[in-house]
Amino acid sequence: MMSNLKHWLGTALICLLALSTPAHAGSKNFGDYQVHYSVFPSTFLSAEVAQANDLNRSKGIGIVNIAIMREGENGGLEPVPGQVEGKVLNDIQQTRFLPFRRIQEGDAVYFIAEYQYRSAELMTFQITARPTGGGEDLPIRFAHTLFND
């Protein structure tokens, strides 16, 4: 079950960086750490993956995916455990807190949350990542608009 989500989220992050879609992905560098994020409509998930991971798959529901990374000894990026919290604001500044869930499969660690949106609504995300043993908050802020299929 979890390996399906891990595989899908990892693949999705790579694909989202490479493709021009209604989804959004990026990262922010904090010296020793990087915070990677992606936002996509829940309808990007297959019905099987959504059901297996207790995620809602519906128009108007988006998924935000956060990963805390740091450079490992081999020079590649490695996931870091920690905590993620945040909120999303719509275009009239109504705030909704994001209920992030931690997903860990082996060394891979992701934090995902669902949120509701209206098609073409500009959403501003304010996220704080706290890597275990990092000592400081890693704040990121980004905005994106999703469109229904």
N, C-alpha and C. Protein backbone atom coordinates (compact mmCIF):
# COMPACT_ATOMS: atom_id res chain seq x y z
N MET A 1 0.81 -1.18 0.00
CA MET A 1 0.00 0.00 0.00
C MET A 1 0.87 1.26 0.00
N MET A 2 1.68 1.43 1.04
CA MET A 2 2.51 2.62 1.15
C MET A 2 3.54 2.70 0.04
N SER A 3 4.05 1.55 -0.41
CA SER A 3 5.04 1.60 -1.48
C SER A 3 4.39 2.11 -2.76
N ASN A 4 3.09 1.84 -2.97
CA ASN A 4 2.39 2.40 -4.13
C ASN A 4 2.39 3.92 -4.06
N LEU A 5 2.06 4.47 -2.88
CA LEU A 5 2.02 5.92 -2.73
C LEU A 5 3.43 6.49 -2.86
N LYS A 6 4.40 5.87 -2.22
CA LYS A 6 5.78 6.35 -2.30
C LYS A 6 6.24 6.39 -3.75
N HIS A 7 5.99 5.30 -4.46
CA HIS A 7 6.39 5.23 -5.86
C HIS A 7 5.65 6.30 -6.67
N TRP A 8 4.36 6.43 -6.43
CA TRP A 8 3.58 7.39 -7.20
C TRP A 8 4.02 8.82 -6.90
N LEU A 9 4.20 9.17 -5.61
CA LEU A 9 4.59 10.54 -5.25
C LEU A 9 5.97 10.88 -5.80
N GLY A 10 6.90 9.93 -5.71
CA GLY A 10 8.24 10.18 -6.26
C GLY A 10 8.19 10.38 -7.76
N THR A 11 7.44 9.54 -8.45
CA THR A 11 7.28 9.67 -9.90
C THR A 11 6.57 10.97 -10.23
N ALA A 12 5.53 11.30 -9.45
CA ALA A 12 4.78 12.52 -9.72
C ALA A 12 5.65 13.76 -9.58
N LEU A 13 6.49 13.78 -8.56
CA LEU A 13 7.35 14.94 -8.35
C LEU A 13 8.28 15.14 -9.54
N ILE A 14 8.87 14.07 -10.04
CA ILE A 14 9.75 14.16 -11.20
C ILE A 14 8.97 14.61 -12.43
N CYS A 15 7.82 13.99 -12.65
CA CYS A 15 7.00 14.35 -13.81
C CYS A 15 6.52 15.79 -13.74
N LEU A 16 6.11 16.23 -12.55
CA LEU A 16 5.60 17.58 -12.41
C LEU A 16 6.67 18.62 -12.69
N LEU A 17 7.90 18.30 -12.35
CA LEU A 17 8.99 19.22 -12.64
C LEU A 17 9.25 19.31 -14.14
N ALA A 18 8.97 18.25 -14.86
CA ALA A 18 9.31 18.19 -16.28
C ALA A 18 8.17 18.61 -17.20
N LEU A 19 6.96 18.53 -16.73
CA LEU A 19 5.81 18.77 -17.61
C LEU A 19 5.12 20.08 -17.29
N SER A 20 4.52 20.65 -18.29
CA SER A 20 3.69 21.82 -18.09
C SER A 20 2.25 21.33 -17.92
N THR A 21 1.78 21.24 -16.70
CA THR A 21 0.45 20.73 -16.40
C THR A 21 -0.23 21.70 -15.45
N PRO A 22 -1.48 21.42 -15.07
CA PRO A 22 -2.13 22.27 -14.09
C PRO A 22 -1.54 22.09 -12.69
N ALA A 23 -0.55 21.25 -12.54
CA ALA A 23 0.08 21.02 -11.25
C ALA A 23 1.25 21.99 -11.07
N HIS A 24 1.79 22.01 -9.87
CA HIS A 24 2.86 22.94 -9.55
C HIS A 24 3.87 22.23 -8.66
N ALA A 25 5.15 22.41 -8.95
CA ALA A 25 6.20 21.82 -8.13
C ALA A 25 7.38 22.78 -8.04
N GLY A 26 8.12 22.67 -6.96
CA GLY A 26 9.30 23.51 -6.79
C GLY A 26 10.06 23.12 -5.54
N SER A 27 11.06 23.92 -5.23
CA SER A 27 11.84 23.68 -4.02
C SER A 27 12.45 24.99 -3.55
N LYS A 28 12.83 25.02 -2.29
CA LYS A 28 13.51 26.18 -1.71
C LYS A 28 14.70 25.67 -0.93
N ASN A 29 15.82 26.33 -1.13
CA ASN A 29 17.08 25.95 -0.50
C ASN A 29 17.27 26.72 0.80
N PHE A 30 17.66 26.01 1.85
CA PHE A 30 17.93 26.61 3.16
C PHE A 30 19.33 26.25 3.64
N GLY A 31 20.31 26.26 2.77
CA GLY A 31 21.66 25.88 3.17
C GLY A 31 21.79 24.37 3.21
N ASP A 32 21.78 23.80 4.42
CA ASP A 32 21.92 22.36 4.57
C ASP A 32 20.67 21.59 4.14
N TYR A 33 19.54 22.27 4.10
CA TYR A 33 18.27 21.60 3.80
C TYR A 33 17.62 22.19 2.55
N GLN A 34 16.77 21.39 1.94
CA GLN A 34 15.90 21.83 0.87
C GLN A 34 14.49 21.34 1.20
N VAL A 35 13.51 22.17 0.89
CA VAL A 35 12.12 21.75 1.02
C VAL A 35 11.56 21.67 -0.39
N HIS A 36 11.10 20.48 -0.77
CA HIS A 36 10.50 20.24 -2.08
C HIS A 36 8.99 20.17 -1.90
N TYR A 37 8.26 20.75 -2.85
CA TYR A 37 6.81 20.75 -2.75
C TYR A 37 6.18 20.52 -4.11
N SER A 38 4.99 19.96 -4.08
CA SER A 38 4.18 19.83 -5.29
C SER A 38 2.72 19.95 -4.89
N VAL A 39 1.93 20.47 -5.82
CA VAL A 39 0.50 20.64 -5.64
C VAL A 39 -0.15 20.10 -6.91
N PHE A 40 -1.19 19.29 -6.75
CA PHE A 40 -1.85 18.72 -7.92
C PHE A 40 -3.29 18.35 -7.56
N PRO A 41 -4.16 18.30 -8.57
CA PRO A 41 -5.54 17.86 -8.31
C PRO A 41 -5.54 16.39 -7.87
N SER A 42 -6.42 16.05 -6.96
CA SER A 42 -6.48 14.67 -6.49
C SER A 42 -6.89 13.71 -7.61
N THR A 43 -7.48 14.23 -8.67
CA THR A 43 -7.86 13.38 -9.80
C THR A 43 -6.64 12.88 -10.57
N PHE A 44 -5.44 13.41 -10.29
CA PHE A 44 -4.21 12.86 -10.87
C PHE A 44 -3.91 11.47 -10.32
N LEU A 45 -4.43 11.17 -9.12
CA LEU A 45 -4.21 9.86 -8.52
C LEU A 45 -5.14 8.84 -9.17
N SER A 46 -4.66 7.62 -9.34
CA SER A 46 -5.55 6.56 -9.78
C SER A 46 -6.51 6.25 -8.64
N ALA A 47 -7.66 5.70 -8.96
CA ALA A 47 -8.64 5.34 -7.94
C ALA A 47 -8.04 4.35 -6.94
N GLU A 48 -7.21 3.43 -7.43
CA GLU A 48 -6.61 2.42 -6.56
C GLU A 48 -5.64 3.04 -5.56
N VAL A 49 -4.79 3.96 -6.02
CA VAL A 49 -3.83 4.61 -5.12
C VAL A 49 -4.56 5.46 -4.09
N ALA A 50 -5.57 6.21 -4.54
CA ALA A 50 -6.33 7.05 -3.61
C ALA A 50 -7.00 6.20 -2.54
N GLN A 51 -7.66 5.12 -2.94
CA GLN A 51 -8.36 4.26 -1.99
C GLN A 51 -7.37 3.58 -1.04
N ALA A 52 -6.27 3.08 -1.55
CA ALA A 52 -5.30 2.38 -0.72
C ALA A 52 -4.67 3.29 0.33
N ASN A 53 -4.66 4.59 0.08
CA ASN A 53 -4.00 5.52 0.99
C ASN A 53 -4.98 6.49 1.66
N ASP A 54 -6.27 6.14 1.62
CA ASP A 54 -7.31 6.91 2.30
C ASP A 54 -7.28 8.38 1.88
N LEU A 55 -7.17 8.61 0.57
CA LEU A 55 -7.21 9.96 0.02
C LEU A 55 -8.48 10.12 -0.81
N ASN A 56 -9.06 11.30 -0.75
CA ASN A 56 -10.23 11.60 -1.55
C ASN A 56 -9.81 11.94 -2.96
N ARG A 57 -10.48 11.36 -3.92
CA ARG A 57 -10.19 11.62 -5.33
C ARG A 57 -11.44 12.24 -5.92
N SER A 58 -11.39 13.57 -6.10
CA SER A 58 -12.58 14.28 -6.54
C SER A 58 -12.19 15.65 -7.11
N LYS A 59 -12.99 16.13 -8.04
CA LYS A 59 -12.80 17.51 -8.51
C LYS A 59 -12.97 18.43 -7.31
N GLY A 60 -12.13 19.44 -7.24
CA GLY A 60 -12.22 20.39 -6.14
C GLY A 60 -11.41 20.00 -4.92
N ILE A 61 -10.71 18.86 -4.97
CA ILE A 61 -9.81 18.49 -3.87
C ILE A 61 -8.40 18.42 -4.43
N GLY A 62 -7.51 19.17 -3.81
CA GLY A 62 -6.11 19.17 -4.21
C GLY A 62 -5.26 18.45 -3.17
N ILE A 63 -4.07 18.08 -3.60
CA ILE A 63 -3.09 17.43 -2.73
C ILE A 63 -1.84 18.30 -2.71
N VAL A 64 -1.31 18.55 -1.53
CA VAL A 64 -0.02 19.22 -1.40
C VAL A 64 0.93 18.20 -0.79
N ASN A 65 2.11 18.08 -1.40
CA ASN A 65 3.11 17.08 -1.02
C ASN A 65 4.40 17.82 -0.66
N ILE A 66 4.94 17.56 0.52
CA ILE A 66 6.15 18.23 1.01
C ILE A 66 7.19 17.17 1.36
N ALA A 67 8.43 17.43 1.00
CA ALA A 67 9.55 16.56 1.39
C ALA A 67 10.70 17.45 1.87
N ILE A 68 11.27 17.09 3.01
CA ILE A 68 12.46 17.78 3.53
C ILE A 68 13.66 16.94 3.12
N MET A 69 14.64 17.59 2.48
CA MET A 69 15.80 16.87 1.95
C MET A 69 17.09 17.54 2.43
N ARG A 70 18.16 16.76 2.42
CA ARG A 70 19.50 17.32 2.67
C ARG A 70 20.50 16.49 1.87
N GLU A 71 21.64 17.11 1.57
CA GLU A 71 22.68 16.41 0.80
C GLU A 71 23.31 15.34 1.67
N GLY A 72 23.36 14.14 1.12
CA GLY A 72 23.95 13.01 1.84
C GLY A 72 25.44 12.90 1.58
N GLU A 73 26.04 11.90 2.18
CA GLU A 73 27.48 11.68 2.06
C GLU A 73 27.90 11.40 0.62
N ASN A 74 27.01 10.79 -0.15
CA ASN A 74 27.34 10.48 -1.54
C ASN A 74 27.06 11.64 -2.49
N GLY A 75 26.61 12.78 -1.97
CA GLY A 75 26.33 13.95 -2.79
C GLY A 75 24.90 14.03 -3.29
N GLY A 76 24.14 12.96 -3.15
CA GLY A 76 22.73 12.98 -3.55
C GLY A 76 21.85 13.49 -2.43
N LEU A 77 20.61 13.80 -2.77
CA LEU A 77 19.66 14.26 -1.76
C LEU A 77 19.05 13.09 -1.03
N GLU A 78 18.93 13.24 0.28
CA GLU A 78 18.33 12.21 1.12
C GLU A 78 17.17 12.82 1.89
N PRO A 79 16.07 12.08 2.07
CA PRO A 79 14.94 12.60 2.85
C PRO A 79 15.30 12.72 4.32
N VAL A 80 14.67 13.68 4.97
CA VAL A 80 14.90 13.95 6.39
C VAL A 80 13.55 13.86 7.11
N PRO A 81 13.50 13.15 8.23
CA PRO A 81 12.25 13.14 9.00
C PRO A 81 12.04 14.49 9.68
N GLY A 82 10.85 14.72 10.12
CA GLY A 82 10.55 15.97 10.81
C GLY A 82 9.06 16.16 10.94
N GLN A 83 8.64 17.41 10.92
CA GLN A 83 7.23 17.78 11.01
C GLN A 83 6.95 18.84 9.97
N VAL A 84 5.72 18.87 9.50
CA VAL A 84 5.27 19.90 8.56
C VAL A 84 3.91 20.38 9.01
N GLU A 85 3.73 21.68 9.00
CA GLU A 85 2.43 22.27 9.28
C GLU A 85 2.22 23.43 8.32
N GLY A 86 1.00 23.83 8.15
CA GLY A 86 0.77 24.95 7.26
C GLY A 86 -0.70 25.27 7.08
N LYS A 87 -0.91 26.25 6.23
CA LYS A 87 -2.26 26.68 5.91
C LYS A 87 -2.30 27.12 4.46
N VAL A 88 -3.51 27.20 3.94
CA VAL A 88 -3.72 27.66 2.58
C VAL A 88 -4.77 28.77 2.64
N LEU A 89 -4.52 29.82 1.87
CA LEU A 89 -5.43 30.95 1.82
C LEU A 89 -5.98 31.08 0.41
N ASN A 90 -7.28 31.35 0.30
CA ASN A 90 -7.84 31.57 -1.03
C ASN A 90 -7.68 33.04 -1.41
N ASP A 91 -8.24 33.41 -2.56
CA ASP A 91 -8.01 34.76 -3.07
C ASP A 91 -8.69 35.86 -2.25
N ILE A 92 -9.59 35.51 -1.34
CA ILE A 92 -10.16 36.52 -0.45
C ILE A 92 -9.66 36.33 0.99
N GLN A 93 -8.52 35.66 1.11
CA GLN A 93 -7.78 35.49 2.36
C GLN A 93 -8.50 34.64 3.41
N GLN A 94 -9.43 33.77 2.98
CA GLN A 94 -10.00 32.80 3.90
C GLN A 94 -8.95 31.73 4.13
N THR A 95 -8.71 31.40 5.40
CA THR A 95 -7.64 30.49 5.77
C THR A 95 -8.19 29.11 6.12
N ARG A 96 -7.49 28.08 5.62
CA ARG A 96 -7.79 26.69 5.99
C ARG A 96 -6.48 26.04 6.41
N PHE A 97 -6.49 25.42 7.57
CA PHE A 97 -5.28 24.72 8.03
C PHE A 97 -5.15 23.40 7.29
N LEU A 98 -3.94 23.04 6.99
CA LEU A 98 -3.66 21.82 6.23
C LEU A 98 -3.34 20.67 7.19
N PRO A 99 -4.12 19.61 7.14
CA PRO A 99 -3.88 18.46 8.03
C PRO A 99 -2.83 17.51 7.43
N PHE A 100 -1.58 17.84 7.58
CA PHE A 100 -0.52 17.02 6.99
C PHE A 100 -0.42 15.67 7.68
N ARG A 101 -0.19 14.65 6.84
CA ARG A 101 0.07 13.29 7.33
C ARG A 101 1.48 12.91 6.90
N ARG A 102 2.19 12.32 7.81
CA ARG A 102 3.54 11.84 7.50
C ARG A 102 3.44 10.43 6.92
N ILE A 103 4.14 10.23 5.82
CA ILE A 103 4.19 8.91 5.19
C ILE A 103 5.65 8.53 5.10
N GLN A 104 5.98 7.37 5.66
CA GLN A 104 7.35 6.88 5.61
C GLN A 104 7.36 5.45 5.09
N GLU A 105 8.20 5.24 4.09
CA GLU A 105 8.39 3.91 3.52
C GLU A 105 9.89 3.73 3.36
N GLY A 106 10.49 2.92 4.22
CA GLY A 106 11.95 2.80 4.20
C GLY A 106 12.56 4.14 4.56
N ASP A 107 13.45 4.64 3.73
CA ASP A 107 14.09 5.93 3.98
C ASP A 107 13.28 7.11 3.46
N ALA A 108 12.30 6.86 2.61
CA ALA A 108 11.51 7.94 2.02
C ALA A 108 10.51 8.49 3.03
N VAL A 109 10.45 9.83 3.14
CA VAL A 109 9.52 10.50 4.04
C VAL A 109 8.83 11.60 3.26
N TYR A 110 7.49 11.61 3.29
CA TYR A 110 6.68 12.63 2.64
C TYR A 110 5.64 13.12 3.63
N PHE A 111 5.18 14.31 3.40
CA PHE A 111 4.09 14.88 4.18
C PHE A 111 3.04 15.33 3.19
N ILE A 112 1.83 14.81 3.32
CA ILE A 112 0.77 15.17 2.37
C ILE A 112 -0.44 15.68 3.11
N ALA A 113 -1.17 16.57 2.44
CA ALA A 113 -2.43 17.09 2.97
C ALA A 113 -3.38 17.32 1.81
N GLU A 114 -4.66 17.16 2.10
CA GLU A 114 -5.70 17.46 1.13
C GLU A 114 -6.28 18.83 1.46
N TYR A 115 -6.77 19.51 0.44
CA TYR A 115 -7.45 20.79 0.65
C TYR A 115 -8.50 20.96 -0.44
N GLN A 116 -9.50 21.79 -0.17
CA GLN A 116 -10.54 22.06 -1.15
C GLN A 116 -10.24 23.34 -1.89
N TYR A 117 -10.60 23.37 -3.18
CA TYR A 117 -10.42 24.57 -3.99
C TYR A 117 -11.54 24.65 -5.01
N ARG A 118 -11.75 25.85 -5.52
CA ARG A 118 -12.64 26.05 -6.66
C ARG A 118 -11.77 26.19 -7.89
N SER A 119 -12.23 25.68 -9.01
CA SER A 119 -11.47 25.77 -10.24
C SER A 119 -11.11 27.23 -10.53
N ALA A 120 -9.86 27.45 -10.88
CA ALA A 120 -9.30 28.76 -11.23
C ALA A 120 -9.12 29.69 -10.02
N GLU A 121 -9.22 29.16 -8.80
CA GLU A 121 -9.04 29.94 -7.59
C GLU A 121 -7.56 29.98 -7.22
N LEU A 122 -7.01 31.19 -7.05
CA LEU A 122 -5.62 31.35 -6.63
C LEU A 122 -5.50 30.96 -5.16
N MET A 123 -4.63 30.00 -4.87
CA MET A 123 -4.42 29.53 -3.51
C MET A 123 -2.98 29.86 -3.10
N THR A 124 -2.80 30.43 -1.91
CA THR A 124 -1.48 30.75 -1.39
C THR A 124 -1.19 29.81 -0.22
N PHE A 125 -0.08 29.10 -0.33
CA PHE A 125 0.32 28.12 0.67
C PHE A 125 1.40 28.72 1.56
N GLN A 126 1.22 28.60 2.86
CA GLN A 126 2.21 29.01 3.85
C GLN A 126 2.54 27.78 4.69
N ILE A 127 3.72 27.24 4.45
CA ILE A 127 4.13 25.96 5.03
C ILE A 127 5.37 26.17 5.90
N THR A 128 5.44 25.46 7.01
CA THR A 128 6.63 25.44 7.84
C THR A 128 7.08 23.99 8.01
N ALA A 129 8.29 23.72 7.58
CA ALA A 129 8.89 22.39 7.75
C ALA A 129 9.90 22.47 8.89
N ARG A 130 9.93 21.43 9.72
CA ARG A 130 10.86 21.36 10.84
C ARG A 130 11.61 20.04 10.77
N PRO A 131 12.82 20.06 10.23
CA PRO A 131 13.58 18.81 10.17
C PRO A 131 14.00 18.36 11.57
N THR A 132 13.93 17.06 11.81
CA THR A 132 14.37 16.51 13.09
C THR A 132 15.85 16.83 13.27
N GLY A 133 16.18 17.44 14.40
CA GLY A 133 17.56 17.79 14.69
C GLY A 133 18.07 19.01 13.95
N GLY A 134 17.20 19.68 13.20
CA GLY A 134 17.63 20.84 12.40
C GLY A 134 17.74 22.13 13.17
N GLY A 135 16.93 22.27 14.23
CA GLY A 135 17.04 23.44 15.08
C GLY A 135 16.34 24.69 14.59
N GLU A 136 15.94 24.77 13.32
CA GLU A 136 15.26 25.97 12.86
C GLU A 136 14.11 25.61 11.93
N ASP A 137 13.12 26.51 11.89
CA ASP A 137 11.99 26.33 10.98
C ASP A 137 12.42 26.67 9.57
N LEU A 138 11.81 25.98 8.61
CA LEU A 138 12.07 26.22 7.19
C LEU A 138 10.75 26.66 6.56
N PRO A 139 10.51 27.98 6.48
CA PRO A 139 9.23 28.45 5.95
C PRO A 139 9.26 28.57 4.42
N ILE A 140 8.19 28.12 3.79
CA ILE A 140 8.04 28.33 2.36
C ILE A 140 6.67 28.92 2.11
N ARG A 141 6.60 29.70 1.06
CA ARG A 141 5.34 30.31 0.65
C ARG A 141 5.30 30.29 -0.87
N PHE A 142 4.19 29.83 -1.41
CA PHE A 142 4.02 29.81 -2.86
C PHE A 142 2.54 29.89 -3.17
N ALA A 143 2.23 30.29 -4.36
CA ALA A 143 0.84 30.39 -4.80
C ALA A 143 0.65 29.59 -6.08
N HIS A 144 -0.55 29.05 -6.23
CA HIS A 144 -0.85 28.29 -7.44
C HIS A 144 -2.37 28.24 -7.65
N THR A 145 -2.74 28.09 -8.90
CA THR A 145 -4.12 27.94 -9.28
C THR A 145 -4.31 26.58 -9.94
N LEU A 146 -5.27 25.81 -9.47
CA LEU A 146 -5.60 24.53 -10.09
C LEU A 146 -6.91 24.69 -10.85
N PHE A 147 -7.05 23.89 -11.88
CA PHE A 147 -8.25 23.88 -12.70
C PHE A 147 -8.83 22.48 -12.69
N ASN A 148 -10.14 22.37 -12.64
CA ASN A 148 -10.78 21.06 -12.71
C ASN A 148 -10.69 20.53 -14.13
N ASP A 149 -10.66 19.19 -14.23
CA ASP A 149 -10.58 18.53 -15.53
C ASP A 149 -11.75 18.91 -16.41
